[in-house]
Amino acid sequence: MIIFDCDGVLVDTERLSNRILAEQITSAGYPMTTEDSIRRYKGGRIRSLPPLIEAEFNLKLPDDWLDQFFTRQFAALEEEAEAIPGVSDVVDQLIARGLQYCVASQASVAKMRISMGRSGLWDRFEGRIFSADMVERPKPFPDLFLHAAATMGWPVEKVTVIEDSTTGVRAAVAAGMRVIGFCRDTDPDELRAAGASDLAQDMAGVADHLGLQ
């Protein structure tokens, strides 16, 4: 029983989204690089950011700031989103072995439809897609993972979560689930400190921890 995060685990979109986020913050008056944005906001929920950005950098964002961001993000996803190398093989192995899996992401279903659709993963997950929009509190609260497990009919102690952000790892730990920290683009020490019981640098490592090798 496997729960995948989406961005940074199924699809390689973290740098893409944070590039746009950094550009939007820079345009609003505070210079920011893509790397700065990744360090500050990876694993967070975009819809919750405007008041935090305004308070931290003493900015007044335009009323349509979020709309501008999502318009640019969706357009970029349609052009650039790619699957994480090796993830299709892992999913195919889960299917071949009759193992259950789903995705639980901070992102909206609309965004996942674009990014997972372009990367060839949507059909493999359709009907098993969970968004933070479906629960009261996003990650790092456990609500999303608990909702996904309950909907799928899975006992939490049997679930393994694959996460690439400390926010997501903390949410899974709070839900009482085992966590594989996917450290392809994240400091492994940070994921371990957040509560990941295992670490994987790539999808071959994920497959090994899942017993698929």
N, C-alpha and C. Protein backbone atom coordinates (compact mmCIF):
# COMPACT_ATOMS: atom_id res chain seq x y z
N MET A 1 0.85 -1.17 0.00
CA MET A 1 0.00 0.00 0.00
C MET A 1 0.90 1.24 0.00
N ILE A 2 0.98 1.88 -1.15
CA ILE A 2 1.96 2.93 -1.36
C ILE A 2 1.25 4.25 -1.69
N ILE A 3 1.67 5.32 -1.00
CA ILE A 3 1.20 6.66 -1.35
C ILE A 3 2.40 7.45 -1.88
N PHE A 4 2.27 7.92 -3.11
CA PHE A 4 3.29 8.77 -3.71
C PHE A 4 2.91 10.24 -3.53
N ASP A 5 3.88 11.08 -3.19
CA ASP A 5 3.72 12.51 -3.43
C ASP A 5 3.80 12.71 -4.94
N CYS A 6 3.39 13.87 -5.42
CA CYS A 6 3.41 14.10 -6.86
C CYS A 6 4.66 14.87 -7.31
N ASP A 7 4.71 16.16 -6.99
CA ASP A 7 5.80 17.01 -7.47
C ASP A 7 7.12 16.61 -6.81
N GLY A 8 8.10 16.28 -7.65
CA GLY A 8 9.40 15.86 -7.16
C GLY A 8 9.53 14.38 -6.90
N VAL A 9 8.41 13.66 -6.94
CA VAL A 9 8.43 12.20 -6.76
C VAL A 9 7.91 11.50 -8.01
N LEU A 10 6.75 11.90 -8.49
CA LEU A 10 6.22 11.35 -9.74
C LEU A 10 6.64 12.20 -10.94
N VAL A 11 6.55 13.51 -10.78
CA VAL A 11 6.88 14.41 -11.90
C VAL A 11 7.94 15.41 -11.48
N ASP A 12 8.83 15.73 -12.40
CA ASP A 12 9.98 16.59 -12.13
C ASP A 12 9.57 18.05 -12.34
N THR A 13 8.85 18.61 -11.37
CA THR A 13 8.26 19.95 -11.55
C THR A 13 8.67 20.95 -10.48
N GLU A 14 9.42 20.53 -9.48
CA GLU A 14 9.75 21.46 -8.40
C GLU A 14 10.53 22.67 -8.90
N ARG A 15 11.55 22.45 -9.71
CA ARG A 15 12.35 23.57 -10.20
C ARG A 15 11.51 24.46 -11.11
N LEU A 16 10.69 23.86 -11.93
CA LEU A 16 9.83 24.62 -12.83
C LEU A 16 8.91 25.55 -12.04
N SER A 17 8.20 25.02 -11.07
CA SER A 17 7.25 25.82 -10.30
C SER A 17 7.96 26.88 -9.47
N ASN A 18 9.10 26.53 -8.88
CA ASN A 18 9.82 27.50 -8.06
C ASN A 18 10.51 28.55 -8.89
N ARG A 19 10.84 28.25 -10.12
CA ARG A 19 11.36 29.27 -11.03
C ARG A 19 10.31 30.36 -11.25
N ILE A 20 9.09 29.94 -11.51
CA ILE A 20 8.01 30.89 -11.74
C ILE A 20 7.69 31.65 -10.45
N LEU A 21 7.67 30.95 -9.33
CA LEU A 21 7.39 31.60 -8.06
C LEU A 21 8.45 32.66 -7.75
N ALA A 22 9.72 32.33 -7.98
CA ALA A 22 10.79 33.30 -7.74
C ALA A 22 10.64 34.51 -8.65
N GLU A 23 10.27 34.30 -9.90
CA GLU A 23 10.07 35.41 -10.82
C GLU A 23 8.91 36.30 -10.37
N GLN A 24 7.85 35.69 -9.86
CA GLN A 24 6.69 36.46 -9.41
C GLN A 24 7.04 37.31 -8.18
N ILE A 25 7.80 36.72 -7.26
CA ILE A 25 8.20 37.46 -6.06
C ILE A 25 9.17 38.58 -6.43
N THR A 26 10.08 38.29 -7.34
CA THR A 26 11.02 39.31 -7.81
C THR A 26 10.27 40.47 -8.46
N SER A 27 9.30 40.16 -9.30
CA SER A 27 8.52 41.21 -9.97
C SER A 27 7.74 42.06 -8.97
N ALA A 28 7.38 41.44 -7.84
CA ALA A 28 6.61 42.17 -6.82
C ALA A 28 7.50 43.08 -5.97
N GLY A 29 8.84 42.90 -6.09
CA GLY A 29 9.71 43.84 -5.39
C GLY A 29 10.77 43.25 -4.50
N TYR A 30 10.82 41.91 -4.39
CA TYR A 30 11.87 41.29 -3.57
C TYR A 30 12.66 40.33 -4.44
N PRO A 31 13.96 40.61 -4.72
CA PRO A 31 14.75 39.73 -5.59
C PRO A 31 14.88 38.33 -5.00
N MET A 32 14.57 37.32 -5.81
CA MET A 32 14.65 35.94 -5.35
C MET A 32 15.08 35.04 -6.50
N THR A 33 15.94 34.07 -6.20
CA THR A 33 16.36 33.09 -7.19
C THR A 33 15.52 31.83 -7.07
N THR A 34 15.61 30.98 -8.08
CA THR A 34 14.92 29.69 -8.05
C THR A 34 15.38 28.87 -6.85
N GLU A 35 16.69 28.88 -6.58
CA GLU A 35 17.23 28.12 -5.46
C GLU A 35 16.67 28.63 -4.14
N ASP A 36 16.56 29.96 -4.00
CA ASP A 36 15.98 30.53 -2.78
C ASP A 36 14.54 30.05 -2.60
N SER A 37 13.79 30.05 -3.69
CA SER A 37 12.39 29.65 -3.62
C SER A 37 12.27 28.18 -3.24
N ILE A 38 13.10 27.33 -3.82
CA ILE A 38 13.07 25.90 -3.49
C ILE A 38 13.36 25.71 -2.00
N ARG A 39 14.38 26.40 -1.50
CA ARG A 39 14.76 26.25 -0.10
C ARG A 39 13.64 26.71 0.85
N ARG A 40 12.96 27.78 0.47
CA ARG A 40 11.92 28.34 1.33
C ARG A 40 10.58 27.61 1.21
N TYR A 41 10.20 27.22 -0.01
CA TYR A 41 8.81 26.86 -0.26
C TYR A 41 8.57 25.43 -0.73
N LYS A 42 9.61 24.65 -0.96
CA LYS A 42 9.42 23.29 -1.44
C LYS A 42 8.53 22.50 -0.48
N GLY A 43 7.53 21.87 -1.05
CA GLY A 43 6.62 21.06 -0.24
C GLY A 43 5.46 21.83 0.35
N GLY A 44 5.48 23.17 0.18
CA GLY A 44 4.40 23.99 0.71
C GLY A 44 3.22 24.06 -0.25
N ARG A 45 2.21 24.78 0.17
CA ARG A 45 1.00 24.93 -0.63
C ARG A 45 0.94 26.36 -1.17
N ILE A 46 0.94 26.50 -2.48
CA ILE A 46 1.04 27.82 -3.10
C ILE A 46 -0.07 28.75 -2.63
N ARG A 47 -1.28 28.23 -2.48
CA ARG A 47 -2.41 29.09 -2.13
C ARG A 47 -2.24 29.75 -0.76
N SER A 48 -1.40 29.17 0.09
CA SER A 48 -1.21 29.73 1.42
C SER A 48 -0.09 30.76 1.47
N LEU A 49 0.64 30.96 0.36
CA LEU A 49 1.84 31.78 0.40
C LEU A 49 1.63 33.29 0.37
N PRO A 50 0.66 33.86 -0.36
CA PRO A 50 0.60 35.32 -0.47
C PRO A 50 0.70 36.08 0.84
N PRO A 51 -0.09 35.76 1.88
CA PRO A 51 0.06 36.54 3.11
C PRO A 51 1.42 36.35 3.77
N LEU A 52 2.01 35.17 3.63
CA LEU A 52 3.34 34.92 4.20
C LEU A 52 4.39 35.74 3.47
N ILE A 53 4.30 35.78 2.15
CA ILE A 53 5.25 36.56 1.34
C ILE A 53 5.11 38.05 1.66
N GLU A 54 3.89 38.53 1.75
CA GLU A 54 3.67 39.95 2.04
C GLU A 54 4.24 40.33 3.41
N ALA A 55 4.03 39.47 4.40
CA ALA A 55 4.51 39.77 5.75
C ALA A 55 6.04 39.69 5.83
N GLU A 56 6.61 38.66 5.20
CA GLU A 56 8.06 38.45 5.33
C GLU A 56 8.87 39.50 4.60
N PHE A 57 8.39 39.91 3.41
CA PHE A 57 9.18 40.82 2.58
C PHE A 57 8.59 42.23 2.50
N ASN A 58 7.57 42.48 3.32
CA ASN A 58 6.94 43.80 3.35
C ASN A 58 6.48 44.23 1.96
N LEU A 59 5.73 43.35 1.31
CA LEU A 59 5.23 43.59 -0.03
C LEU A 59 3.70 43.67 -0.02
N LYS A 60 3.15 44.28 -1.05
CA LYS A 60 1.71 44.22 -1.31
C LYS A 60 1.53 43.58 -2.67
N LEU A 61 1.09 42.33 -2.68
CA LEU A 61 0.93 41.60 -3.93
C LEU A 61 -0.36 42.03 -4.62
N PRO A 62 -0.38 42.00 -5.95
CA PRO A 62 -1.62 42.31 -6.68
C PRO A 62 -2.72 41.32 -6.33
N ASP A 63 -3.95 41.77 -6.43
CA ASP A 63 -5.09 40.91 -6.11
C ASP A 63 -5.10 39.65 -6.97
N ASP A 64 -4.58 39.75 -8.19
CA ASP A 64 -4.61 38.60 -9.10
C ASP A 64 -3.27 37.87 -9.12
N TRP A 65 -2.47 38.03 -8.06
CA TRP A 65 -1.13 37.43 -8.03
C TRP A 65 -1.19 35.93 -8.19
N LEU A 66 -2.09 35.26 -7.45
CA LEU A 66 -2.22 33.81 -7.55
C LEU A 66 -2.70 33.39 -8.93
N ASP A 67 -3.66 34.12 -9.49
CA ASP A 67 -4.15 33.79 -10.82
C ASP A 67 -3.02 33.89 -11.84
N GLN A 68 -2.21 34.93 -11.71
CA GLN A 68 -1.06 35.08 -12.62
C GLN A 68 -0.12 33.89 -12.48
N PHE A 69 0.15 33.51 -11.23
CA PHE A 69 1.07 32.39 -11.01
C PHE A 69 0.53 31.11 -11.64
N PHE A 70 -0.72 30.77 -11.35
CA PHE A 70 -1.26 29.51 -11.86
C PHE A 70 -1.37 29.50 -13.37
N THR A 71 -1.67 30.64 -13.97
CA THR A 71 -1.71 30.71 -15.44
C THR A 71 -0.35 30.39 -16.02
N ARG A 72 0.69 31.02 -15.47
CA ARG A 72 2.05 30.78 -15.95
C ARG A 72 2.50 29.35 -15.65
N GLN A 73 2.18 28.87 -14.44
CA GLN A 73 2.59 27.52 -14.06
C GLN A 73 1.96 26.46 -14.95
N PHE A 74 0.66 26.55 -15.17
CA PHE A 74 -0.03 25.55 -15.99
C PHE A 74 0.51 25.55 -17.41
N ALA A 75 0.79 26.74 -17.96
CA ALA A 75 1.34 26.81 -19.31
C ALA A 75 2.71 26.15 -19.37
N ALA A 76 3.54 26.38 -18.35
CA ALA A 76 4.87 25.77 -18.32
C ALA A 76 4.78 24.26 -18.15
N LEU A 77 3.85 23.80 -17.31
CA LEU A 77 3.68 22.36 -17.11
C LEU A 77 3.30 21.67 -18.42
N GLU A 78 2.43 22.30 -19.19
CA GLU A 78 2.01 21.71 -20.46
C GLU A 78 3.16 21.56 -21.44
N GLU A 79 4.19 22.40 -21.28
CA GLU A 79 5.33 22.37 -22.18
C GLU A 79 6.51 21.57 -21.64
N GLU A 80 6.68 21.54 -20.31
CA GLU A 80 7.94 21.08 -19.74
C GLU A 80 7.85 19.89 -18.78
N ALA A 81 6.69 19.57 -18.25
CA ALA A 81 6.60 18.53 -17.22
C ALA A 81 7.07 17.17 -17.73
N GLU A 82 7.91 16.52 -16.95
CA GLU A 82 8.43 15.20 -17.30
C GLU A 82 8.34 14.29 -16.08
N ALA A 83 8.18 13.00 -16.33
CA ALA A 83 8.17 12.03 -15.23
C ALA A 83 9.57 11.93 -14.62
N ILE A 84 9.62 11.70 -13.32
CA ILE A 84 10.90 11.40 -12.67
C ILE A 84 11.47 10.14 -13.29
N PRO A 85 12.74 10.13 -13.66
CA PRO A 85 13.33 8.94 -14.28
C PRO A 85 13.11 7.68 -13.45
N GLY A 86 12.60 6.64 -14.11
CA GLY A 86 12.41 5.34 -13.47
C GLY A 86 11.09 5.15 -12.76
N VAL A 87 10.28 6.23 -12.61
CA VAL A 87 9.05 6.08 -11.83
C VAL A 87 8.03 5.23 -12.56
N SER A 88 7.98 5.30 -13.87
CA SER A 88 7.03 4.47 -14.63
C SER A 88 7.32 2.99 -14.42
N ASP A 89 8.60 2.63 -14.34
CA ASP A 89 8.96 1.22 -14.10
C ASP A 89 8.50 0.77 -12.72
N VAL A 90 8.64 1.65 -11.71
CA VAL A 90 8.20 1.30 -10.36
C VAL A 90 6.69 1.08 -10.34
N VAL A 91 5.95 1.99 -10.97
CA VAL A 91 4.49 1.84 -11.00
C VAL A 91 4.09 0.58 -11.74
N ASP A 92 4.76 0.30 -12.85
CA ASP A 92 4.46 -0.92 -13.61
C ASP A 92 4.70 -2.17 -12.77
N GLN A 93 5.75 -2.15 -11.94
CA GLN A 93 6.01 -3.30 -11.07
C GLN A 93 4.93 -3.45 -10.01
N LEU A 94 4.46 -2.33 -9.48
CA LEU A 94 3.37 -2.39 -8.50
C LEU A 94 2.12 -3.00 -9.13
N ILE A 95 1.81 -2.56 -10.35
CA ILE A 95 0.64 -3.08 -11.06
C ILE A 95 0.81 -4.58 -11.33
N ALA A 96 1.99 -4.98 -11.79
CA ALA A 96 2.24 -6.38 -12.12
C ALA A 96 2.11 -7.28 -10.90
N ARG A 97 2.43 -6.76 -9.74
CA ARG A 97 2.37 -7.56 -8.51
C ARG A 97 1.04 -7.41 -7.77
N GLY A 98 0.15 -6.62 -8.34
CA GLY A 98 -1.16 -6.44 -7.71
C GLY A 98 -1.11 -5.63 -6.43
N LEU A 99 -0.09 -4.77 -6.29
CA LEU A 99 0.05 -3.95 -5.10
C LEU A 99 -0.72 -2.63 -5.26
N GLN A 100 -1.31 -2.17 -4.19
CA GLN A 100 -2.16 -0.98 -4.25
C GLN A 100 -1.33 0.29 -4.05
N TYR A 101 -1.74 1.35 -4.73
CA TYR A 101 -1.01 2.61 -4.65
C TYR A 101 -1.94 3.77 -5.01
N CYS A 102 -1.52 4.98 -4.62
CA CYS A 102 -2.26 6.19 -4.99
C CYS A 102 -1.29 7.36 -4.91
N VAL A 103 -1.79 8.57 -5.19
CA VAL A 103 -1.00 9.79 -5.06
C VAL A 103 -1.74 10.75 -4.15
N ALA A 104 -0.98 11.44 -3.28
CA ALA A 104 -1.56 12.44 -2.37
C ALA A 104 -0.65 13.66 -2.38
N SER A 105 -1.15 14.78 -2.89
CA SER A 105 -0.32 15.94 -3.17
C SER A 105 -0.94 17.22 -2.64
N GLN A 106 -0.07 18.20 -2.34
CA GLN A 106 -0.55 19.54 -2.02
C GLN A 106 -1.23 20.17 -3.24
N ALA A 107 -0.88 19.72 -4.43
CA ALA A 107 -1.37 20.32 -5.66
C ALA A 107 -2.84 20.03 -5.90
N SER A 108 -3.45 20.87 -6.72
CA SER A 108 -4.84 20.64 -7.13
C SER A 108 -4.91 19.48 -8.10
N VAL A 109 -6.09 18.90 -8.21
CA VAL A 109 -6.30 17.83 -9.19
C VAL A 109 -6.07 18.37 -10.60
N ALA A 110 -6.49 19.60 -10.84
CA ALA A 110 -6.31 20.21 -12.17
C ALA A 110 -4.84 20.28 -12.55
N LYS A 111 -4.01 20.66 -11.59
CA LYS A 111 -2.57 20.72 -11.87
C LYS A 111 -2.02 19.32 -12.12
N MET A 112 -2.40 18.36 -11.29
CA MET A 112 -1.91 16.99 -11.48
C MET A 112 -2.37 16.41 -12.81
N ARG A 113 -3.57 16.78 -13.23
CA ARG A 113 -4.06 16.28 -14.52
C ARG A 113 -3.13 16.71 -15.65
N ILE A 114 -2.60 17.94 -15.55
CA ILE A 114 -1.69 18.43 -16.57
C ILE A 114 -0.32 17.78 -16.45
N SER A 115 0.27 17.85 -15.27
CA SER A 115 1.64 17.36 -15.11
C SER A 115 1.73 15.85 -15.26
N MET A 116 0.79 15.12 -14.68
CA MET A 116 0.80 13.67 -14.80
C MET A 116 0.34 13.22 -16.17
N GLY A 117 -0.54 14.00 -16.77
CA GLY A 117 -0.99 13.67 -18.12
C GLY A 117 0.14 13.78 -19.13
N ARG A 118 0.89 14.90 -19.05
CA ARG A 118 1.98 15.09 -19.99
C ARG A 118 3.09 14.06 -19.78
N SER A 119 3.29 13.65 -18.53
CA SER A 119 4.37 12.70 -18.24
C SER A 119 3.94 11.24 -18.36
N GLY A 120 2.68 11.00 -18.80
CA GLY A 120 2.22 9.65 -19.07
C GLY A 120 1.79 8.85 -17.86
N LEU A 121 1.52 9.54 -16.73
CA LEU A 121 1.18 8.83 -15.50
C LEU A 121 -0.29 8.91 -15.11
N TRP A 122 -1.03 9.84 -15.69
CA TRP A 122 -2.40 10.07 -15.25
C TRP A 122 -3.26 8.81 -15.32
N ASP A 123 -3.19 8.10 -16.42
CA ASP A 123 -4.04 6.91 -16.59
C ASP A 123 -3.73 5.84 -15.55
N ARG A 124 -2.49 5.77 -15.08
CA ARG A 124 -2.12 4.76 -14.08
C ARG A 124 -2.64 5.11 -12.69
N PHE A 125 -2.98 6.39 -12.48
CA PHE A 125 -3.42 6.83 -11.15
C PHE A 125 -4.88 7.29 -11.12
N GLU A 126 -5.52 7.40 -12.25
CA GLU A 126 -6.88 7.94 -12.27
C GLU A 126 -7.78 7.15 -11.34
N GLY A 127 -8.56 7.89 -10.52
CA GLY A 127 -9.41 7.26 -9.52
C GLY A 127 -8.72 7.05 -8.19
N ARG A 128 -7.42 7.34 -8.15
CA ARG A 128 -6.62 7.19 -6.92
C ARG A 128 -5.77 8.44 -6.71
N ILE A 129 -6.40 9.59 -6.92
CA ILE A 129 -5.69 10.87 -6.88
C ILE A 129 -6.29 11.74 -5.78
N PHE A 130 -5.45 12.16 -4.82
CA PHE A 130 -5.91 12.93 -3.67
C PHE A 130 -5.14 14.24 -3.58
N SER A 131 -5.89 15.31 -3.34
CA SER A 131 -5.33 16.66 -3.28
C SER A 131 -5.60 17.27 -1.92
N ALA A 132 -4.71 18.18 -1.50
CA ALA A 132 -4.94 18.91 -0.26
C ALA A 132 -6.22 19.73 -0.30
N ASP A 133 -6.74 19.99 -1.50
CA ASP A 133 -8.02 20.69 -1.62
C ASP A 133 -9.16 19.87 -1.01
N MET A 134 -8.93 18.58 -0.80
CA MET A 134 -9.99 17.69 -0.31
C MET A 134 -10.07 17.64 1.21
N VAL A 135 -9.12 18.26 1.90
CA VAL A 135 -9.09 18.18 3.37
C VAL A 135 -9.00 19.59 3.95
N GLU A 136 -9.23 19.67 5.25
CA GLU A 136 -9.22 20.99 5.92
C GLU A 136 -7.82 21.55 6.04
N ARG A 137 -6.85 20.70 6.37
CA ARG A 137 -5.49 21.17 6.62
C ARG A 137 -4.51 20.46 5.68
N PRO A 138 -3.63 21.20 5.00
CA PRO A 138 -2.65 20.58 4.11
C PRO A 138 -1.47 20.03 4.90
N LYS A 139 -0.55 19.37 4.22
CA LYS A 139 0.71 18.98 4.83
C LYS A 139 1.37 20.24 5.41
N PRO A 140 2.00 20.19 6.58
CA PRO A 140 2.51 19.04 7.32
C PRO A 140 1.51 18.37 8.26
N PHE A 141 0.25 18.78 8.24
CA PHE A 141 -0.76 18.06 9.01
C PHE A 141 -1.03 16.71 8.34
N PRO A 142 -1.47 15.72 9.08
CA PRO A 142 -1.65 14.37 8.52
C PRO A 142 -2.93 14.18 7.73
N ASP A 143 -3.79 15.20 7.68
CA ASP A 143 -5.15 15.04 7.14
C ASP A 143 -5.20 14.39 5.76
N LEU A 144 -4.34 14.86 4.85
CA LEU A 144 -4.40 14.37 3.47
C LEU A 144 -4.05 12.88 3.40
N PHE A 145 -2.99 12.47 4.08
CA PHE A 145 -2.61 11.07 4.05
C PHE A 145 -3.65 10.19 4.74
N LEU A 146 -4.22 10.68 5.82
CA LEU A 146 -5.27 9.91 6.50
C LEU A 146 -6.51 9.80 5.61
N HIS A 147 -6.85 10.87 4.91
CA HIS A 147 -8.00 10.84 4.00
C HIS A 147 -7.77 9.85 2.86
N ALA A 148 -6.56 9.88 2.29
CA ALA A 148 -6.25 8.95 1.20
C ALA A 148 -6.34 7.51 1.67
N ALA A 149 -5.74 7.22 2.81
CA ALA A 149 -5.76 5.84 3.33
C ALA A 149 -7.18 5.39 3.65
N ALA A 150 -7.97 6.26 4.26
CA ALA A 150 -9.34 5.89 4.62
C ALA A 150 -10.18 5.64 3.37
N THR A 151 -10.01 6.48 2.36
CA THR A 151 -10.76 6.32 1.11
C THR A 151 -10.38 5.02 0.40
N MET A 152 -9.09 4.69 0.45
CA MET A 152 -8.62 3.47 -0.19
C MET A 152 -8.90 2.24 0.66
N GLY A 153 -9.28 2.43 1.93
CA GLY A 153 -9.54 1.30 2.82
C GLY A 153 -8.29 0.66 3.37
N TRP A 154 -7.24 1.47 3.55
CA TRP A 154 -5.96 0.95 4.01
C TRP A 154 -5.74 1.28 5.49
N PRO A 155 -5.26 0.32 6.29
CA PRO A 155 -4.83 0.65 7.66
C PRO A 155 -3.53 1.45 7.61
N VAL A 156 -3.44 2.50 8.41
CA VAL A 156 -2.30 3.41 8.30
C VAL A 156 -0.97 2.70 8.55
N GLU A 157 -0.98 1.71 9.43
CA GLU A 157 0.28 1.04 9.76
C GLU A 157 0.81 0.18 8.61
N LYS A 158 0.01 -0.03 7.58
CA LYS A 158 0.43 -0.82 6.42
C LYS A 158 0.86 0.06 5.24
N VAL A 159 0.79 1.39 5.43
CA VAL A 159 1.05 2.31 4.32
C VAL A 159 2.50 2.80 4.34
N THR A 160 3.11 2.85 3.15
CA THR A 160 4.42 3.47 2.96
C THR A 160 4.23 4.70 2.08
N VAL A 161 4.75 5.83 2.52
CA VAL A 161 4.67 7.09 1.78
C VAL A 161 6.03 7.41 1.18
N ILE A 162 6.03 7.89 -0.06
CA ILE A 162 7.27 8.32 -0.71
C ILE A 162 7.20 9.83 -0.86
N GLU A 163 8.09 10.54 -0.17
CA GLU A 163 8.05 12.00 -0.09
C GLU A 163 9.43 12.60 -0.32
N ASP A 164 9.46 13.78 -0.93
CA ASP A 164 10.73 14.46 -1.19
C ASP A 164 10.88 15.76 -0.42
N SER A 165 9.91 16.11 0.43
CA SER A 165 10.01 17.35 1.19
C SER A 165 9.87 17.05 2.68
N THR A 166 10.48 17.90 3.50
CA THR A 166 10.34 17.73 4.95
C THR A 166 8.89 17.93 5.38
N THR A 167 8.19 18.83 4.68
CA THR A 167 6.78 19.06 4.99
C THR A 167 5.97 17.79 4.82
N GLY A 168 6.19 17.11 3.70
CA GLY A 168 5.47 15.88 3.43
C GLY A 168 5.87 14.75 4.36
N VAL A 169 7.16 14.66 4.67
CA VAL A 169 7.62 13.61 5.59
C VAL A 169 6.97 13.79 6.95
N ARG A 170 6.93 15.01 7.44
CA ARG A 170 6.32 15.26 8.75
C ARG A 170 4.84 14.89 8.74
N ALA A 171 4.16 15.16 7.64
CA ALA A 171 2.74 14.82 7.54
C ALA A 171 2.53 13.31 7.60
N ALA A 172 3.37 12.58 6.89
CA ALA A 172 3.23 11.12 6.87
C ALA A 172 3.57 10.51 8.23
N VAL A 173 4.60 11.03 8.88
CA VAL A 173 4.95 10.55 10.21
C VAL A 173 3.81 10.82 11.18
N ALA A 174 3.21 12.02 11.08
CA ALA A 174 2.09 12.36 11.96
C ALA A 174 0.89 11.45 11.71
N ALA A 175 0.79 10.91 10.49
CA ALA A 175 -0.30 9.99 10.16
C ALA A 175 -0.01 8.57 10.62
N GLY A 176 1.19 8.33 11.13
CA GLY A 176 1.56 6.99 11.60
C GLY A 176 2.00 6.06 10.50
N MET A 177 2.54 6.62 9.41
CA MET A 177 2.93 5.83 8.25
C MET A 177 4.45 5.78 8.10
N ARG A 178 4.93 4.70 7.50
CA ARG A 178 6.35 4.60 7.16
C ARG A 178 6.64 5.56 6.02
N VAL A 179 7.83 6.16 6.04
CA VAL A 179 8.19 7.12 5.00
C VAL A 179 9.53 6.79 4.37
N ILE A 180 9.55 6.73 3.04
CA ILE A 180 10.79 6.68 2.27
C ILE A 180 11.07 8.11 1.81
N GLY A 181 12.19 8.67 2.26
CA GLY A 181 12.57 10.01 1.85
C GLY A 181 13.27 9.96 0.50
N PHE A 182 12.67 10.61 -0.50
CA PHE A 182 13.23 10.62 -1.86
C PHE A 182 14.16 11.82 -1.97
N CYS A 183 15.46 11.58 -1.90
CA CYS A 183 16.43 12.65 -1.76
C CYS A 183 17.16 12.97 -3.07
N ARG A 184 16.49 12.77 -4.19
CA ARG A 184 17.09 13.11 -5.49
C ARG A 184 17.49 14.57 -5.54
N ASP A 185 16.64 15.46 -5.02
CA ASP A 185 16.92 16.89 -5.04
C ASP A 185 16.75 17.52 -3.66
N THR A 186 16.80 16.70 -2.62
CA THR A 186 16.61 17.19 -1.26
C THR A 186 17.72 16.66 -0.37
N ASP A 187 18.16 17.48 0.58
CA ASP A 187 19.20 17.06 1.53
C ASP A 187 18.70 15.84 2.30
N PRO A 188 19.39 14.70 2.18
CA PRO A 188 18.92 13.49 2.88
C PRO A 188 18.89 13.65 4.40
N ASP A 189 19.82 14.45 4.95
CA ASP A 189 19.83 14.65 6.39
C ASP A 189 18.56 15.36 6.86
N GLU A 190 18.05 16.28 6.04
CA GLU A 190 16.82 16.99 6.39
C GLU A 190 15.62 16.03 6.38
N LEU A 191 15.57 15.14 5.40
CA LEU A 191 14.48 14.17 5.34
C LEU A 191 14.55 13.19 6.50
N ARG A 192 15.75 12.76 6.83
CA ARG A 192 15.92 11.85 7.95
C ARG A 192 15.52 12.53 9.26
N ALA A 193 15.92 13.80 9.42
CA ALA A 193 15.58 14.53 10.64
C ALA A 193 14.08 14.74 10.76
N ALA A 194 13.39 14.85 9.61
CA ALA A 194 11.94 15.04 9.62
C ALA A 194 11.20 13.75 9.97
N GLY A 195 11.90 12.60 9.87
CA GLY A 195 11.27 11.35 10.27
C GLY A 195 11.28 10.24 9.25
N ALA A 196 11.93 10.45 8.08
CA ALA A 196 12.00 9.38 7.08
C ALA A 196 12.79 8.20 7.63
N SER A 197 12.23 7.00 7.53
CA SER A 197 12.91 5.81 8.06
C SER A 197 13.90 5.24 7.06
N ASP A 198 13.69 5.52 5.78
CA ASP A 198 14.59 5.06 4.72
C ASP A 198 14.81 6.21 3.75
N LEU A 199 15.92 6.14 3.00
CA LEU A 199 16.24 7.17 2.02
C LEU A 199 16.53 6.53 0.68
N ALA A 200 16.13 7.21 -0.39
CA ALA A 200 16.40 6.71 -1.74
C ALA A 200 16.83 7.88 -2.62
N GLN A 201 17.95 7.72 -3.30
CA GLN A 201 18.47 8.76 -4.18
C GLN A 201 17.78 8.76 -5.53
N ASP A 202 17.27 7.59 -5.94
CA ASP A 202 16.62 7.46 -7.24
C ASP A 202 15.52 6.41 -7.14
N MET A 203 14.82 6.17 -8.26
CA MET A 203 13.70 5.25 -8.23
C MET A 203 14.14 3.79 -8.08
N ALA A 204 15.38 3.49 -8.44
CA ALA A 204 15.88 2.14 -8.18
C ALA A 204 15.97 1.91 -6.67
N GLY A 205 16.36 2.95 -5.94
CA GLY A 205 16.42 2.84 -4.49
C GLY A 205 15.04 2.72 -3.88
N VAL A 206 14.06 3.45 -4.44
CA VAL A 206 12.69 3.31 -3.98
C VAL A 206 12.19 1.87 -4.18
N ALA A 207 12.45 1.33 -5.37
CA ALA A 207 12.04 -0.03 -5.68
C ALA A 207 12.66 -1.02 -4.71
N ASP A 208 13.91 -0.78 -4.35
CA ASP A 208 14.60 -1.67 -3.41
C ASP A 208 13.94 -1.63 -2.04
N HIS A 209 13.63 -0.42 -1.55
CA HIS A 209 12.99 -0.29 -0.23
C HIS A 209 11.58 -0.86 -0.24
N LEU A 210 10.94 -0.88 -1.41
CA LEU A 210 9.60 -1.45 -1.50
C LEU A 210 9.61 -2.97 -1.73
N GLY A 211 10.81 -3.51 -1.85
CA GLY A 211 10.93 -4.95 -2.07
C GLY A 211 10.60 -5.38 -3.48
N LEU A 212 10.79 -4.51 -4.44
CA LEU A 212 10.45 -4.82 -5.83
C LEU A 212 11.64 -5.32 -6.63
N GLN A 213 12.84 -5.21 -6.08
CA GLN A 213 14.03 -5.62 -6.83
C GLN A 213 14.28 -7.12 -6.70
